[in-house]
């Protein structure tokens, strides 16, 4: 199986703006950006995040034609919004399947990454074809703090299962769940980036 990258921008506040990939060679129909991103056009956002984005075709060279892009806002404070997107990297022959979330801060006419972590991760213990999987899913929630910026609580749900199907994933309806546990992390913006803190 060849290496596969799936890019999407995580929807958090019920804002759904997508670039439908349509037929090959045709530029996707532009969608109106959420008000939080009004300083940029669709093409400008994509070019700032993906250096190989082609405004004429509306495509990123490293993205397969039938995939899509969505924009989503994340709050930095009550007045400022971050642009968030996630990248899913799947390469099952190497037992790699994870989703990474990046948050970008708008600084004038530039975008700067202020957060980047895995929000979905799958581990495949051992070499035997037992279908054993440890899947970790993280959910971010903004929390008011004493600073000028929100903290983020990241709640991780860790599921240990045995996959009974062929999707290499932990599906509660079809797979044997061995254990489920949770843990919580707190992240704080230091003026430059979010960093994990003890609480």
C-alpha atoms as a PDB file:
ATOM      1  CA  UNK A   1       0.000   0.000   0.000  1.00  0.00           C
ATOM      2  CA  UNK A   2       1.376   3.373  -0.901  1.00  0.00           C
ATOM      3  CA  UNK A   3       1.780   6.149   1.601  1.00  0.00           C
ATOM      4  CA  UNK A   4      -1.456   8.057   2.046  1.00  0.00           C
ATOM      5  CA  UNK A   5      -1.972  11.525   3.460  1.00  0.00           C
ATOM      6  CA  UNK A   6      -5.404  12.895   4.312  1.00  0.00           C
ATOM      7  CA  UNK A   7      -5.691  16.554   5.189  1.00  0.00           C
ATOM      8  CA  UNK A   8      -8.717  18.137   6.802  1.00  0.00           C
ATOM      9  CA  UNK A   9      -9.320  21.055   9.087  1.00  0.00           C
ATOM     10  CA  UNK A  10     -11.072  20.020  12.285  1.00  0.00           C
ATOM     11  CA  UNK A  11     -14.549  21.472  12.753  1.00  0.00           C
ATOM     12  CA  UNK A  12     -15.054  22.707  16.298  1.00  0.00           C
ATOM     13  CA  UNK A  13     -17.718  25.405  16.343  1.00  0.00           C
ATOM     14  CA  UNK A  14     -20.182  23.931  13.827  1.00  0.00           C
ATOM     15  CA  UNK A  15     -18.531  25.926  11.049  1.00  0.00           C
ATOM     16  CA  UNK A  16     -18.268  23.824   7.904  1.00  0.00           C
ATOM     17  CA  UNK A  17     -16.411  25.277   4.934  1.00  0.00           C
ATOM     18  CA  UNK A  18     -15.149  22.700   2.498  1.00  0.00           C
ATOM     19  CA  UNK A  19     -13.339  22.516  -0.810  1.00  0.00           C
ATOM     20  CA  UNK A  20     -15.086  19.737  -2.734  1.00  0.00           C
ATOM     21  CA  UNK A  21     -12.434  18.123  -4.889  1.00  0.00           C
ATOM     22  CA  UNK A  22     -14.708  17.379  -7.845  1.00  0.00           C
ATOM     23  CA  UNK A  23     -13.324  16.047 -11.097  1.00  0.00           C
ATOM     24  CA  UNK A  24      -9.628  16.062 -11.839  1.00  0.00           C
ATOM     25  CA  UNK A  25      -8.413  19.232 -13.517  1.00  0.00           C
ATOM     26  CA  UNK A  26     -11.300  21.432 -12.365  1.00  0.00           C
ATOM     27  CA  UNK A  27     -10.656  23.965  -9.612  1.00  0.00           C
ATOM     28  CA  UNK A  28     -12.902  23.295  -6.578  1.00  0.00           C
ATOM     29  CA  UNK A  29     -15.784  25.712  -6.159  1.00  0.00           C
ATOM     30  CA  UNK A  30     -14.728  28.437  -3.672  1.00  0.00           C
ATOM     31  CA  UNK A  31     -16.558  28.613  -0.361  1.00  0.00           C
ATOM     32  CA  UNK A  32     -17.065  31.678   1.798  1.00  0.00           C
ATOM     33  CA  UNK A  33     -14.672  31.686   4.740  1.00  0.00           C
ATOM     34  CA  UNK A  34     -16.010  32.057   8.291  1.00  0.00           C
ATOM     35  CA  UNK A  35     -15.981  35.637   9.583  1.00  0.00           C
ATOM     36  CA  UNK A  36     -13.005  34.754  11.813  1.00  0.00           C
ATOM     37  CA  UNK A  37     -10.872  34.350   8.677  1.00  0.00           C
ATOM     38  CA  UNK A  38     -12.173  37.372   6.783  1.00  0.00           C
ATOM     39  CA  UNK A  39      -8.665  38.832   6.504  1.00  0.00           C
ATOM     40  CA  UNK A  40      -7.732  36.085   4.031  1.00  0.00           C
ATOM     41  CA  UNK A  41      -9.157  34.563   0.882  1.00  0.00           C
ATOM     42  CA  UNK A  42      -9.395  30.777   0.496  1.00  0.00           C
ATOM     43  CA  UNK A  43      -6.356  30.770  -1.771  1.00  0.00           C
ATOM     44  CA  UNK A  44      -4.313  32.927   0.614  1.00  0.00           C
ATOM     45  CA  UNK A  45      -4.953  30.639   3.606  1.00  0.00           C
ATOM     46  CA  UNK A  46      -4.075  27.502   1.659  1.00  0.00           C
ATOM     47  CA  UNK A  47      -0.919  29.022   0.176  1.00  0.00           C
ATOM     48  CA  UNK A  48       0.294  30.154   3.609  1.00  0.00           C
ATOM     49  CA  UNK A  49      -0.224  26.686   5.092  1.00  0.00           C
ATOM     50  CA  UNK A  50       0.702  24.512   2.071  1.00  0.00           C
ATOM     51  CA  UNK A  51       3.663  25.804   0.069  1.00  0.00           C
ATOM     52  CA  UNK A  52       2.750  23.549  -2.886  1.00  0.00           C
ATOM     53  CA  UNK A  53      -0.816  24.890  -3.173  1.00  0.00           C
ATOM     54  CA  UNK A  54      -1.673  25.974  -6.741  1.00  0.00           C
ATOM     55  CA  UNK A  55      -4.254  28.780  -6.822  1.00  0.00           C
ATOM     56  CA  UNK A  56      -5.021  28.139 -10.512  1.00  0.00           C
ATOM     57  CA  UNK A  57      -6.136  24.556  -9.922  1.00  0.00           C
ATOM     58  CA  UNK A  58      -7.195  24.930  -6.282  1.00  0.00           C
ATOM     59  CA  UNK A  59      -5.151  21.866  -5.340  1.00  0.00           C
ATOM     60  CA  UNK A  60      -2.228  20.909  -3.135  1.00  0.00           C
ATOM     61  CA  UNK A  61       0.253  18.664  -4.949  1.00  0.00           C
ATOM     62  CA  UNK A  62       0.646  16.337  -1.954  1.00  0.00           C
ATOM     63  CA  UNK A  63      -3.109  15.779  -1.562  1.00  0.00           C
ATOM     64  CA  UNK A  64      -4.995  13.133  -3.542  1.00  0.00           C
ATOM     65  CA  UNK A  65      -7.789  14.527  -5.738  1.00  0.00           C
ATOM     66  CA  UNK A  66     -10.737  12.946  -3.904  1.00  0.00           C
ATOM     67  CA  UNK A  67      -9.785  14.384  -0.496  1.00  0.00           C
ATOM     68  CA  UNK A  68     -11.150  17.658   0.964  1.00  0.00           C
ATOM     69  CA  UNK A  69     -10.125  20.675   3.025  1.00  0.00           C
ATOM     70  CA  UNK A  70     -12.152  22.336   5.795  1.00  0.00           C
ATOM     71  CA  UNK A  71     -11.377  25.407   7.894  1.00  0.00           C
ATOM     72  CA  UNK A  72     -12.185  25.667  11.594  1.00  0.00           C
ATOM     73  CA  UNK A  73     -11.711  28.383  14.222  1.00  0.00           C
ATOM     74  CA  UNK A  74     -10.220  27.806  17.673  1.00  0.00           C
ATOM     75  CA  UNK A  75     -10.386  30.579  20.261  1.00  0.00           C
ATOM     76  CA  UNK A  76      -7.125  32.029  21.605  1.00  0.00           C
ATOM     77  CA  UNK A  77      -9.058  34.515  23.737  1.00  0.00           C
ATOM     78  CA  UNK A  78     -12.404  36.292  23.601  1.00  0.00           C
ATOM     79  CA  UNK A  79     -11.204  38.511  20.733  1.00  0.00           C
ATOM     80  CA  UNK A  80      -8.728  36.394  18.770  1.00  0.00           C
ATOM     81  CA  UNK A  81      -9.240  33.226  16.755  1.00  0.00           C
ATOM     82  CA  UNK A  82      -6.739  30.630  15.570  1.00  0.00           C
ATOM     83  CA  UNK A  83      -6.949  28.691  12.302  1.00  0.00           C
ATOM     84  CA  UNK A  84      -6.884  24.952  12.924  1.00  0.00           C
ATOM     85  CA  UNK A  85      -6.289  22.012  10.618  1.00  0.00           C
ATOM     86  CA  UNK A  86      -5.405  18.385  11.066  1.00  0.00           C
ATOM     87  CA  UNK A  87      -3.327  15.996   8.998  1.00  0.00           C
ATOM     88  CA  UNK A  88      -4.033  12.269   8.993  1.00  0.00           C
ATOM     89  CA  UNK A  89      -1.032  10.143   8.118  1.00  0.00           C
ATOM     90  CA  UNK A  90      -1.793   6.501   7.375  1.00  0.00           C
ATOM     91  CA  UNK A  91       0.790   3.965   6.278  1.00  0.00           C
ATOM     92  CA  UNK A  92      -0.409   0.620   7.584  1.00  0.00           C
ATOM     93  CA  UNK A  93       2.446  -1.548   6.250  1.00  0.00           C
ATOM     94  CA  UNK A  94       4.619   0.403   8.694  1.00  0.00           C
ATOM     95  CA  UNK A  95       1.806   0.328  11.288  1.00  0.00           C
ATOM     96  CA  UNK A  96       1.576   4.112  11.309  1.00  0.00           C
ATOM     97  CA  UNK A  97      -1.814   5.809  11.585  1.00  0.00           C
ATOM     98  CA  UNK A  98      -2.126   9.124  13.401  1.00  0.00           C
ATOM     99  CA  UNK A  99      -3.866  12.476  13.070  1.00  0.00           C
ATOM    100  CA  UNK A 100      -2.010  15.683  13.931  1.00  0.00           C
ATOM    101  CA  UNK A 101      -3.696  18.969  14.793  1.00  0.00           C
ATOM    102  CA  UNK A 102      -1.954  22.272  14.052  1.00  0.00           C
ATOM    103  CA  UNK A 103      -3.219  25.689  15.166  1.00  0.00           C
ATOM    104  CA  UNK A 104      -2.074  28.841  13.393  1.00  0.00           C
ATOM    105  CA  UNK A 105      -2.170  32.396  14.758  1.00  0.00           C
ATOM    106  CA  UNK A 106      -2.938  35.250  12.371  1.00  0.00           C
ATOM    107  CA  UNK A 107      -0.151  37.834  12.648  1.00  0.00           C
ATOM    108  CA  UNK A 108      -0.719  40.633  10.170  1.00  0.00           C
ATOM    109  CA  UNK A 109      -0.650  38.955   6.766  1.00  0.00           C
ATOM    110  CA  UNK A 110       1.176  35.880   8.045  1.00  0.00           C
ATOM    111  CA  UNK A 111       0.161  32.635   9.759  1.00  0.00           C
ATOM    112  CA  UNK A 112       2.368  31.168  12.497  1.00  0.00           C
ATOM    113  CA  UNK A 113       1.945  27.708  14.056  1.00  0.00           C
ATOM    114  CA  UNK A 114       1.373  27.918  17.819  1.00  0.00           C
ATOM    115  CA  UNK A 115       0.310  24.323  18.527  1.00  0.00           C
ATOM    116  CA  UNK A 116       1.003  20.959  16.941  1.00  0.00           C
ATOM    117  CA  UNK A 117       0.180  17.587  18.512  1.00  0.00           C
ATOM    118  CA  UNK A 118      -1.336  14.216  17.665  1.00  0.00           C
ATOM    119  CA  UNK A 119      -5.060  14.165  18.449  1.00  0.00           C
ATOM    120  CA  UNK A 120      -5.728  10.625  17.226  1.00  0.00           C
ATOM    121  CA  UNK A 121      -3.020   8.000  17.551  1.00  0.00           C
ATOM    122  CA  UNK A 122      -3.041   4.237  17.037  1.00  0.00           C
ATOM    123  CA  UNK A 123      -0.448   1.789  18.283  1.00  0.00           C
ATOM    124  CA  UNK A 124      -0.220  -1.781  17.026  1.00  0.00           C
ATOM    125  CA  UNK A 125       1.651  -3.773  19.723  1.00  0.00           C
ATOM    126  CA  UNK A 126       3.590  -6.885  18.760  1.00  0.00           C
ATOM    127  CA  UNK A 127       4.249  -8.431  15.393  1.00  0.00           C
ATOM    128  CA  UNK A 128       1.573 -11.153  15.432  1.00  0.00           C
ATOM    129  CA  UNK A 129      -1.623 -10.627  13.378  1.00  0.00           C
ATOM    130  CA  UNK A 130      -3.776 -10.535  16.530  1.00  0.00           C
ATOM    131  CA  UNK A 131      -5.531  -7.285  15.605  1.00  0.00           C
ATOM    132  CA  UNK A 132      -4.441  -5.680  18.873  1.00  0.00           C
ATOM    133  CA  UNK A 133      -4.787  -1.857  18.815  1.00  0.00           C
ATOM    134  CA  UNK A 134      -4.321   0.925  21.345  1.00  0.00           C
ATOM    135  CA  UNK A 135      -6.163   4.024  20.132  1.00  0.00           C
ATOM    136  CA  UNK A 136      -5.884   7.452  21.792  1.00  0.00           C
ATOM    137  CA  UNK A 137      -8.359  10.208  20.908  1.00  0.00           C
ATOM    138  CA  UNK A 138      -7.855  13.737  22.239  1.00  0.00           C
ATOM    139  CA  UNK A 139     -10.546  16.422  22.597  1.00  0.00           C
ATOM    140  CA  UNK A 140      -9.556  20.075  23.075  1.00  0.00           C
ATOM    141  CA  UNK A 141     -11.659  22.466  25.168  1.00  0.00           C
ATOM    142  CA  UNK A 142     -10.826  26.150  25.803  1.00  0.00           C
ATOM    143  CA  UNK A 143     -10.737  27.094  29.482  1.00  0.00           C
ATOM    144  CA  UNK A 144     -10.835  30.675  30.822  1.00  0.00           C
ATOM    145  CA  UNK A 145      -7.652  31.509  32.744  1.00  0.00           C
ATOM    146  CA  UNK A 146      -6.169  34.433  34.644  1.00  0.00           C
ATOM    147  CA  UNK A 147      -4.031  35.424  31.642  1.00  0.00           C
ATOM    148  CA  UNK A 148      -5.107  37.203  28.471  1.00  0.00           C
ATOM    149  CA  UNK A 149      -5.333  33.852  26.672  1.00  0.00           C
ATOM    150  CA  UNK A 150      -7.412  30.722  27.115  1.00  0.00           C
ATOM    151  CA  UNK A 151      -5.820  27.556  28.419  1.00  0.00           C
ATOM    152  CA  UNK A 152      -6.732  24.338  26.636  1.00  0.00           C
ATOM    153  CA  UNK A 153      -7.806  21.196  28.416  1.00  0.00           C
ATOM    154  CA  UNK A 154      -6.980  18.103  26.372  1.00  0.00           C
ATOM    155  CA  UNK A 155      -8.948  15.048  27.447  1.00  0.00           C
ATOM    156  CA  UNK A 156      -7.501  11.804  26.119  1.00  0.00           C
ATOM    157  CA  UNK A 157      -9.542   8.619  25.800  1.00  0.00           C
ATOM    158  CA  UNK A 158      -7.340   5.541  25.454  1.00  0.00           C
ATOM    159  CA  UNK A 159      -9.033   2.401  24.128  1.00  0.00           C
ATOM    160  CA  UNK A 160      -7.299  -0.980  24.033  1.00  0.00           C
ATOM    161  CA  UNK A 161      -9.109  -3.335  21.668  1.00  0.00           C
ATOM    162  CA  UNK A 162      -8.810  -6.362  19.420  1.00  0.00           C
ATOM    163  CA  UNK A 163      -9.944  -5.570  15.899  1.00  0.00           C
ATOM    164  CA  UNK A 164     -12.376  -8.159  14.528  1.00  0.00           C
ATOM    165  CA  UNK A 165     -12.685  -6.530  11.115  1.00  0.00           C
ATOM    166  CA  UNK A 166     -10.355  -5.204   8.459  1.00  0.00           C
ATOM    167  CA  UNK A 167     -10.476  -1.496   9.317  1.00  0.00           C
ATOM    168  CA  UNK A 168      -7.500  -1.596  11.742  1.00  0.00           C
ATOM    169  CA  UNK A 169      -9.414   0.626  14.141  1.00  0.00           C
ATOM    170  CA  UNK A 170     -11.168   0.357  17.520  1.00  0.00           C
ATOM    171  CA  UNK A 171     -14.886   0.219  16.770  1.00  0.00           C
ATOM    172  CA  UNK A 172     -17.017  -0.364  19.858  1.00  0.00           C
ATOM    173  CA  UNK A 173     -19.817  -1.993  17.815  1.00  0.00           C
ATOM    174  CA  UNK A 174     -17.656  -4.662  16.183  1.00  0.00           C
ATOM    175  CA  UNK A 175     -14.390  -4.983  18.080  1.00  0.00           C
ATOM    176  CA  UNK A 176     -13.561  -6.541  21.440  1.00  0.00           C
ATOM    177  CA  UNK A 177     -12.792  -3.700  23.850  1.00  0.00           C
ATOM    178  CA  UNK A 178     -10.248  -4.771  26.465  1.00  0.00           C
ATOM    179  CA  UNK A 179     -10.017  -1.514  28.423  1.00  0.00           C
ATOM    180  CA  UNK A 180     -10.828   2.186  28.257  1.00  0.00           C
ATOM    181  CA  UNK A 181      -9.157   4.852  30.372  1.00  0.00           C
ATOM    182  CA  UNK A 182      -8.889   8.628  30.293  1.00  0.00           C
ATOM    183  CA  UNK A 183      -6.286  11.199  31.181  1.00  0.00           C
ATOM    184  CA  UNK A 184      -6.253  14.987  31.054  1.00  0.00           C
ATOM    185  CA  UNK A 185      -3.551  17.445  30.023  1.00  0.00           C
ATOM    186  CA  UNK A 186      -3.492  21.231  30.344  1.00  0.00           C
ATOM    187  CA  UNK A 187      -1.833  23.465  27.787  1.00  0.00           C
ATOM    188  CA  UNK A 188      -1.088  27.182  28.210  1.00  0.00           C
ATOM    189  CA  UNK A 189      -0.163  29.853  25.676  1.00  0.00           C
ATOM    190  CA  UNK A 190       3.161  31.482  26.652  1.00  0.00           C
ATOM    191  CA  UNK A 191       2.870  34.320  24.160  1.00  0.00           C
ATOM    192  CA  UNK A 192       4.601  32.315  21.440  1.00  0.00           C
ATOM    193  CA  UNK A 193       3.285  28.737  21.599  1.00  0.00           C
ATOM    194  CA  UNK A 194       1.077  26.483  23.669  1.00  0.00           C
ATOM    195  CA  UNK A 195       3.034  24.347  26.134  1.00  0.00           C
ATOM    196  CA  UNK A 196       1.937  21.539  28.434  1.00  0.00           C
ATOM    197  CA  UNK A 197       1.746  22.564  32.091  1.00  0.00           C
ATOM    198  CA  UNK A 198       1.116  20.813  35.402  1.00  0.00           C
ATOM    199  CA  UNK A 199      -2.103  21.656  37.176  1.00  0.00           C
END
